Amino acid sequence: MDQHQIQALQGIVLILMPIVVIVFAAVLIIPYWFIWKKAGFTPWFSLLMFIPLVNLIMLYVLAFSEWKVVPAPQPAYVYSPPSALPPQG
């Protein structure tokens, strides 16, 4: 490889690297954003997932804290499967 090809390759990497970082950040932040919001916390905590060791601490906070959401209402009836009847006939 000559010097011109190396510089061209470096230019391509400089263009593609921010795009890869933004896609990676979106893939990481979006699910945590919704998880924090559903748990009743501020969704801005999802940005802390980029900081090493803080992300582990926050994951434990999320896992063992009392979630502030109301559980879904349960149906009033209880489903019982049909009993096995002998064939009629």
Protein backbone atom coordinates (compact mmCIF):
# COMPACT_ATOMS: atom_id res chain seq x y z
CA MET A 1 0.00 0.00 0.00
CA ASP A 2 1.32 3.40 -0.84
CA GLN A 3 0.85 6.56 1.19
CA HIS A 4 -2.11 7.77 -0.91
CA GLN A 5 -4.10 4.57 -0.31
CA ILE A 6 -3.42 4.69 3.43
CA GLN A 7 -4.65 8.28 3.62
CA ALA A 8 -7.79 7.37 1.65
CA LEU A 9 -8.44 4.47 4.01
CA GLN A 10 -7.97 6.75 7.03
CA GLY A 11 -10.46 9.21 5.54
CA ILE A 12 -13.04 6.47 5.10
CA VAL A 13 -12.54 5.33 8.70
CA LEU A 14 -12.90 8.90 9.95
CA ILE A 15 -16.20 9.19 8.10
CA LEU A 16 -17.63 5.80 9.11
CA MET A 17 -16.52 5.71 12.75
CA PRO A 18 -18.96 8.41 14.03
CA ILE A 19 -21.81 6.66 12.22
CA VAL A 20 -20.94 3.34 13.87
CA VAL A 21 -20.69 5.02 17.28
CA ILE A 22 -24.09 6.72 16.88
CA VAL A 23 -25.75 3.46 15.80
CA PHE A 24 -24.15 1.60 18.73
CA ALA A 25 -25.29 4.32 21.14
CA ALA A 26 -28.86 4.15 19.84
CA VAL A 27 -28.91 0.36 20.10
CA LEU A 28 -27.76 0.63 23.71
CA ILE A 29 -29.74 3.66 24.90
CA ILE A 30 -33.20 3.01 23.43
CA PRO A 31 -33.99 -0.21 25.34
CA TYR A 32 -32.62 1.15 28.61
CA TRP A 33 -34.61 4.37 28.08
CA PHE A 34 -37.87 2.40 28.00
CA ILE A 35 -36.86 0.10 30.86
CA TRP A 36 -36.02 3.01 33.16
CA LYS A 37 -39.26 4.76 32.18
CA LYS A 38 -41.36 1.64 32.81
CA ALA A 39 -39.68 1.18 36.19
CA GLY A 40 -40.81 4.65 37.20
CA PHE A 41 -37.39 6.29 37.12
CA THR A 42 -36.18 9.10 34.92
CA PRO A 43 -35.21 7.69 31.53
CA TRP A 44 -32.11 9.88 31.52
CA PHE A 45 -30.48 7.19 33.68
CA SER A 46 -30.02 5.27 30.43
CA LEU A 47 -27.13 7.60 29.60
CA LEU A 48 -25.26 6.27 32.63
CA MET A 49 -24.99 2.91 30.89
CA PHE A 50 -21.98 4.25 28.96
CA ILE A 51 -19.89 4.77 32.10
CA PRO A 52 -17.94 1.67 33.18
CA LEU A 53 -18.76 0.35 36.67
CA VAL A 54 -21.55 2.92 37.01
CA ASN A 55 -23.53 0.87 34.49
CA LEU A 56 -23.19 -2.23 36.69
CA ILE A 57 -24.24 -0.32 39.79
CA MET A 58 -27.25 1.18 38.01
CA LEU A 59 -28.23 -2.24 36.65
CA TYR A 60 -28.35 -3.56 40.22
CA VAL A 61 -30.32 -0.49 41.31
CA LEU A 62 -32.79 -1.20 38.54
CA ALA A 63 -33.03 -4.90 39.33
CA PHE A 64 -33.52 -4.65 43.08
CA SER A 65 -35.49 -1.43 43.48
CA GLU A 66 -39.23 -1.19 43.97
CA TRP A 67 -40.76 -0.40 40.60
CA LYS A 68 -43.27 2.42 40.77
CA VAL A 69 -45.59 1.10 38.08
CA VAL A 70 -49.04 -0.32 38.69
CA PRO A 71 -49.37 -3.98 37.74
CA ALA A 72 -51.75 -4.88 34.96
CA PRO A 73 -55.27 -5.74 36.14
CA GLN A 74 -55.91 -9.46 36.42
CA PRO A 75 -59.07 -10.96 34.90
CA ALA A 76 -61.91 -11.67 37.32
CA TYR A 77 -62.53 -15.16 35.97
CA VAL A 78 -60.30 -18.19 36.29
CA TYR A 79 -59.85 -20.29 33.19
CA SER A 80 -60.32 -24.01 33.67
CA PRO A 81 -59.68 -26.29 30.75
CA PRO A 82 -62.53 -28.54 29.65
CA SER A 83 -62.59 -31.89 31.37
CA ALA A 84 -61.77 -34.97 29.39
CA LEU A 85 -65.08 -36.58 28.48
CA PRO A 86 -65.40 -40.00 26.94
CA PRO A 87 -66.30 -39.96 23.26
CA GLN A 88 -70.04 -39.84 22.57
CA GLY A 89 -71.30 -42.18 20.26
